[in-house]
Amino acid sequence: MEKLTDLLEEIEGCLQEKIVDTFYPAVVEEDIMKIVSLLNGEKFPVELLAVLKWHNGQVWNSEFSPENNRRLMSSKEIIETISFYIDPMSDFLEPWDKSWIPILTNDSSDYLVYVTKGIDKGKLIGYWHNDEDRIVEYKSLNEWANELILEIQGVA
């Protein structure tokens, strides 16, 4: 199995320069600690940290490819999103689990979330704001990265 860091480098190598230019630099430790505090002090997933150290999000309304209109969220956006969903006064379509970390968005309140505990730990679930179904879209970040590479290369 390929290491996630190798897959992330391969993704970047496949992307058009105009897309690479939308990426932000690596995350700062302070933001990771803020996310951990929102997750009730759970340990931050190492593989997810690798993604945020690769790039701490993308410019708003960017995308990896025309077929995949999702973009990488920054740590600040992750913090804002988790804060919204754990606030008991927020109004949104359930279910939302307090252990989820949103990592990709289409900038329309839809997310791909990383599951940090339970039976689906390490999987990526689609959260569509107007659909109650929370379906596993990828079994791991590696699977997501591999499929994105194929999509970018036009193989998928």
C-alpha atoms as a PDB file:
ATOM      1  CA  MET A   1       0.000   0.000   0.000  1.00  0.00           C
ATOM      2  CA  GLU A   2       1.312   3.397  -0.914  1.00  0.00           C
ATOM      3  CA  LYS A   3       1.982   5.933   1.797  1.00  0.00           C
ATOM      4  CA  LEU A   4      -0.470   8.795   1.895  1.00  0.00           C
ATOM      5  CA  THR A   5       2.318  11.386   1.625  1.00  0.00           C
ATOM      6  CA  ASP A   6       3.467   9.773  -1.634  1.00  0.00           C
ATOM      7  CA  LEU A   7      -0.084   9.832  -2.964  1.00  0.00           C
ATOM      8  CA  LEU A   8      -0.484  13.512  -2.049  1.00  0.00           C
ATOM      9  CA  GLU A   9       2.717  14.357  -3.918  1.00  0.00           C
ATOM     10  CA  GLU A  10       1.423  12.390  -6.895  1.00  0.00           C
ATOM     11  CA  ILE A  11      -1.862  14.315  -6.798  1.00  0.00           C
ATOM     12  CA  GLU A  12      -0.004  17.594  -6.881  1.00  0.00           C
ATOM     13  CA  GLY A  13       2.142  16.381  -9.761  1.00  0.00           C
ATOM     14  CA  CYS A  14      -0.988  15.560 -11.782  1.00  0.00           C
ATOM     15  CA  LEU A  15      -2.771  18.857 -11.180  1.00  0.00           C
ATOM     16  CA  GLN A  16      -2.750  21.819 -13.504  1.00  0.00           C
ATOM     17  CA  GLU A  17      -0.639  24.719 -12.232  1.00  0.00           C
ATOM     18  CA  LYS A  18      -3.716  26.938 -11.880  1.00  0.00           C
ATOM     19  CA  ILE A  19      -5.129  24.420  -9.375  1.00  0.00           C
ATOM     20  CA  VAL A  20      -1.835  24.000  -7.494  1.00  0.00           C
ATOM     21  CA  ASP A  21      -1.771  27.786  -7.101  1.00  0.00           C
ATOM     22  CA  THR A  22      -5.013  27.595  -5.076  1.00  0.00           C
ATOM     23  CA  PHE A  23      -3.385  25.638  -2.233  1.00  0.00           C
ATOM     24  CA  TYR A  24      -2.396  27.233   1.069  1.00  0.00           C
ATOM     25  CA  PRO A  25       0.838  26.370   2.936  1.00  0.00           C
ATOM     26  CA  ALA A  26       0.996  23.764   5.710  1.00  0.00           C
ATOM     27  CA  VAL A  27      -1.143  23.936   8.836  1.00  0.00           C
ATOM     28  CA  VAL A  28       0.163  25.445  12.072  1.00  0.00           C
ATOM     29  CA  GLU A  29       0.147  23.378  15.270  1.00  0.00           C
ATOM     30  CA  GLU A  30      -2.070  25.894  17.075  1.00  0.00           C
ATOM     31  CA  ASP A  31      -4.942  25.193  14.676  1.00  0.00           C
ATOM     32  CA  ILE A  32      -4.585  21.430  15.138  1.00  0.00           C
ATOM     33  CA  MET A  33      -4.850  21.925  18.901  1.00  0.00           C
ATOM     34  CA  LYS A  34      -8.052  23.948  18.407  1.00  0.00           C
ATOM     35  CA  ILE A  35      -9.575  21.127  16.372  1.00  0.00           C
ATOM     36  CA  VAL A  36      -8.552  18.588  19.034  1.00  0.00           C
ATOM     37  CA  SER A  37     -10.225  20.699  21.716  1.00  0.00           C
ATOM     38  CA  LEU A  38     -13.477  20.681  19.693  1.00  0.00           C
ATOM     39  CA  LEU A  39     -13.258  16.889  19.470  1.00  0.00           C
ATOM     40  CA  ASN A  40     -13.139  16.621  23.270  1.00  0.00           C
ATOM     41  CA  GLY A  41      -9.374  16.134  23.288  1.00  0.00           C
ATOM     42  CA  GLU A  42      -9.332  13.069  21.035  1.00  0.00           C
ATOM     43  CA  LYS A  43      -6.006  12.439  19.362  1.00  0.00           C
ATOM     44  CA  PHE A  44      -5.812  14.049  15.926  1.00  0.00           C
ATOM     45  CA  PRO A  45      -5.558  11.367  13.201  1.00  0.00           C
ATOM     46  CA  VAL A  46      -1.983  11.107  11.905  1.00  0.00           C
ATOM     47  CA  GLU A  47      -3.065  10.568   8.307  1.00  0.00           C
ATOM     48  CA  LEU A  48      -5.320  13.612   8.402  1.00  0.00           C
ATOM     49  CA  LEU A  49      -2.441  15.628   9.824  1.00  0.00           C
ATOM     50  CA  ALA A  50      -0.393  14.534   6.788  1.00  0.00           C
ATOM     51  CA  VAL A  51      -3.045  16.052   4.508  1.00  0.00           C
ATOM     52  CA  LEU A  52      -3.073  19.376   6.371  1.00  0.00           C
ATOM     53  CA  LYS A  53       0.733  19.461   6.455  1.00  0.00           C
ATOM     54  CA  TRP A  54       0.670  18.894   2.695  1.00  0.00           C
ATOM     55  CA  HIS A  55      -1.666  21.883   2.208  1.00  0.00           C
ATOM     56  CA  ASN A  56      -3.857  23.677   4.702  1.00  0.00           C
ATOM     57  CA  GLY A  57      -6.792  24.023   2.346  1.00  0.00           C
ATOM     58  CA  GLN A  58      -7.492  25.771  -0.904  1.00  0.00           C
ATOM     59  CA  VAL A  59      -8.847  29.126  -1.986  1.00  0.00           C
ATOM     60  CA  TRP A  60     -12.646  29.363  -1.722  1.00  0.00           C
ATOM     61  CA  ASN A  61     -14.589  27.920  -4.671  1.00  0.00           C
ATOM     62  CA  SER A  62     -11.601  26.024  -6.062  1.00  0.00           C
ATOM     63  CA  GLU A  63     -11.724  22.376  -7.058  1.00  0.00           C
ATOM     64  CA  PHE A  64      -9.401  19.466  -7.720  1.00  0.00           C
ATOM     65  CA  SER A  65     -10.942  18.763 -11.123  1.00  0.00           C
ATOM     66  CA  PRO A  66     -14.098  19.554 -13.122  1.00  0.00           C
ATOM     67  CA  GLU A  67     -15.422  16.069 -12.256  1.00  0.00           C
ATOM     68  CA  ASN A  68     -14.773  16.608  -8.539  1.00  0.00           C
ATOM     69  CA  ASN A  69     -16.088  19.958  -7.392  1.00  0.00           C
ATOM     70  CA  ARG A  70     -14.794  19.513  -3.856  1.00  0.00           C
ATOM     71  CA  ARG A  71     -11.859  21.409  -2.473  1.00  0.00           C
ATOM     72  CA  LEU A  72      -9.600  20.917   0.516  1.00  0.00           C
ATOM     73  CA  MET A  73     -10.741  22.810   3.608  1.00  0.00           C
ATOM     74  CA  SER A  74      -8.344  24.864   5.710  1.00  0.00           C
ATOM     75  CA  SER A  75      -7.944  24.230   9.429  1.00  0.00           C
ATOM     76  CA  LYS A  76      -9.764  27.497  10.159  1.00  0.00           C
ATOM     77  CA  GLU A  77     -12.716  26.365   8.029  1.00  0.00           C
ATOM     78  CA  ILE A  78     -12.671  22.989   9.765  1.00  0.00           C
ATOM     79  CA  ILE A  79     -12.775  24.749  13.147  1.00  0.00           C
ATOM     80  CA  GLU A  80     -15.670  26.978  12.040  1.00  0.00           C
ATOM     81  CA  THR A  81     -17.618  24.044  10.612  1.00  0.00           C
ATOM     82  CA  ILE A  82     -17.174  21.783  13.629  1.00  0.00           C
ATOM     83  CA  SER A  83     -18.079  24.694  15.922  1.00  0.00           C
ATOM     84  CA  PHE A  84     -21.312  25.219  13.992  1.00  0.00           C
ATOM     85  CA  TYR A  85     -22.310  21.549  14.072  1.00  0.00           C
ATOM     86  CA  ILE A  86     -21.581  21.009  17.762  1.00  0.00           C
ATOM     87  CA  ASP A  87     -23.478  24.164  18.784  1.00  0.00           C
ATOM     88  CA  PRO A  88     -26.860  23.039  20.146  1.00  0.00           C
ATOM     89  CA  MET A  89     -28.410  26.262  18.823  1.00  0.00           C
ATOM     90  CA  SER A  90     -27.404  25.558  15.212  1.00  0.00           C
ATOM     91  CA  ASP A  91     -30.088  24.461  12.783  1.00  0.00           C
ATOM     92  CA  PHE A  92     -29.066  21.725  10.334  1.00  0.00           C
ATOM     93  CA  LEU A  93     -30.212  18.372   9.011  1.00  0.00           C
ATOM     94  CA  GLU A  94     -29.184  15.510  11.296  1.00  0.00           C
ATOM     95  CA  PRO A  95     -27.352  13.274  11.655  1.00  0.00           C
ATOM     96  CA  TRP A  96     -24.004  14.873  12.447  1.00  0.00           C
ATOM     97  CA  ASP A  97     -21.542  13.077  14.697  1.00  0.00           C
ATOM     98  CA  LYS A  98     -19.292  15.021  17.064  1.00  0.00           C
ATOM     99  CA  SER A  99     -16.353  12.828  16.045  1.00  0.00           C
ATOM    100  CA  TRP A 100     -16.473  13.874  12.386  1.00  0.00           C
ATOM    101  CA  ILE A 101     -13.846  16.163  10.893  1.00  0.00           C
ATOM    102  CA  PRO A 102     -14.930  17.843   7.649  1.00  0.00           C
ATOM    103  CA  ILE A 103     -12.005  17.900   5.213  1.00  0.00           C
ATOM    104  CA  LEU A 104     -13.465  18.599   1.765  1.00  0.00           C
ATOM    105  CA  THR A 105     -16.311  20.892   0.726  1.00  0.00           C
ATOM    106  CA  ASN A 106     -18.136  21.978  -2.394  1.00  0.00           C
ATOM    107  CA  ASP A 107     -18.727  25.391  -0.775  1.00  0.00           C
ATOM    108  CA  SER A 108     -22.464  24.682  -0.582  1.00  0.00           C
ATOM    109  CA  SER A 109     -22.571  23.290   2.974  1.00  0.00           C
ATOM    110  CA  ASP A 110     -21.785  19.765   1.771  1.00  0.00           C
ATOM    111  CA  TYR A 111     -18.731  17.956   3.115  1.00  0.00           C
ATOM    112  CA  LEU A 112     -16.629  14.868   2.975  1.00  0.00           C
ATOM    113  CA  VAL A 113     -15.965  14.083   6.624  1.00  0.00           C
ATOM    114  CA  TYR A 114     -13.262  11.965   8.238  1.00  0.00           C
ATOM    115  CA  VAL A 115     -14.669   9.630  10.907  1.00  0.00           C
ATOM    116  CA  THR A 116     -12.472   9.563  14.037  1.00  0.00           C
ATOM    117  CA  LYS A 117     -14.133   6.761  16.030  1.00  0.00           C
ATOM    118  CA  GLY A 118     -16.585   3.921  15.912  1.00  0.00           C
ATOM    119  CA  ILE A 119     -17.198   1.265  13.294  1.00  0.00           C
ATOM    120  CA  ASP A 120     -16.390   3.657  10.420  1.00  0.00           C
ATOM    121  CA  LYS A 121     -13.179   5.052  11.950  1.00  0.00           C
ATOM    122  CA  GLY A 122     -10.808   6.241   9.222  1.00  0.00           C
ATOM    123  CA  LYS A 123     -13.488   6.244   6.521  1.00  0.00           C
ATOM    124  CA  LEU A 124     -14.750   9.260   4.595  1.00  0.00           C
ATOM    125  CA  ILE A 125     -18.482   9.893   4.708  1.00  0.00           C
ATOM    126  CA  GLY A 126     -20.472  12.234   2.498  1.00  0.00           C
ATOM    127  CA  TYR A 127     -22.524  14.836   4.370  1.00  0.00           C
ATOM    128  CA  TRP A 128     -25.022  16.450   2.027  1.00  0.00           C
ATOM    129  CA  HIS A 129     -26.847  19.253   3.840  1.00  0.00           C
ATOM    130  CA  ASN A 130     -30.258  18.345   2.407  1.00  0.00           C
ATOM    131  CA  ASP A 131     -30.012  14.533   2.578  1.00  0.00           C
ATOM    132  CA  GLU A 132     -30.270  12.391   5.724  1.00  0.00           C
ATOM    133  CA  ASP A 133     -28.137   9.587   4.253  1.00  0.00           C
ATOM    134  CA  ARG A 134     -24.519   9.535   5.422  1.00  0.00           C
ATOM    135  CA  ILE A 135     -22.872   7.115   3.039  1.00  0.00           C
ATOM    136  CA  VAL A 136     -19.257   5.956   3.205  1.00  0.00           C
ATOM    137  CA  GLU A 137     -17.696   7.296  -0.005  1.00  0.00           C
ATOM    138  CA  TYR A 138     -14.126   6.137   0.619  1.00  0.00           C
ATOM    139  CA  LYS A 139     -12.752   3.460   2.939  1.00  0.00           C
ATOM    140  CA  SER A 140      -9.662   5.575   3.684  1.00  0.00           C
ATOM    141  CA  LEU A 141      -7.760   8.697   2.761  1.00  0.00           C
ATOM    142  CA  ASN A 142      -5.513   6.483   0.619  1.00  0.00           C
ATOM    143  CA  GLU A 143      -8.518   5.267  -1.370  1.00  0.00           C
ATOM    144  CA  TRP A 144      -9.691   8.858  -1.834  1.00  0.00           C
ATOM    145  CA  ALA A 145      -6.205   9.913  -3.009  1.00  0.00           C
ATOM    146  CA  ASN A 146      -5.894   6.975  -5.417  1.00  0.00           C
ATOM    147  CA  GLU A 147      -9.308   7.647  -6.934  1.00  0.00           C
ATOM    148  CA  LEU A 148      -8.572  11.368  -7.236  1.00  0.00           C
ATOM    149  CA  ILE A 149      -5.330  10.606  -9.092  1.00  0.00           C
ATOM    150  CA  LEU A 150      -7.206   8.390 -11.565  1.00  0.00           C
ATOM    151  CA  GLU A 151      -9.871  11.059 -11.996  1.00  0.00           C
ATOM    152  CA  ILE A 152      -7.323  13.814 -12.637  1.00  0.00           C
ATOM    153  CA  GLN A 153      -5.521  11.627 -15.142  1.00  0.00           C
ATOM    154  CA  GLY A 154      -8.818  10.981 -16.896  1.00  0.00           C
ATOM    155  CA  VAL A 155      -8.771   7.250 -16.181  1.00  0.00           C
ATOM    156  CA  ALA A 156     -11.783   7.135 -13.879  1.00  0.00           C
END
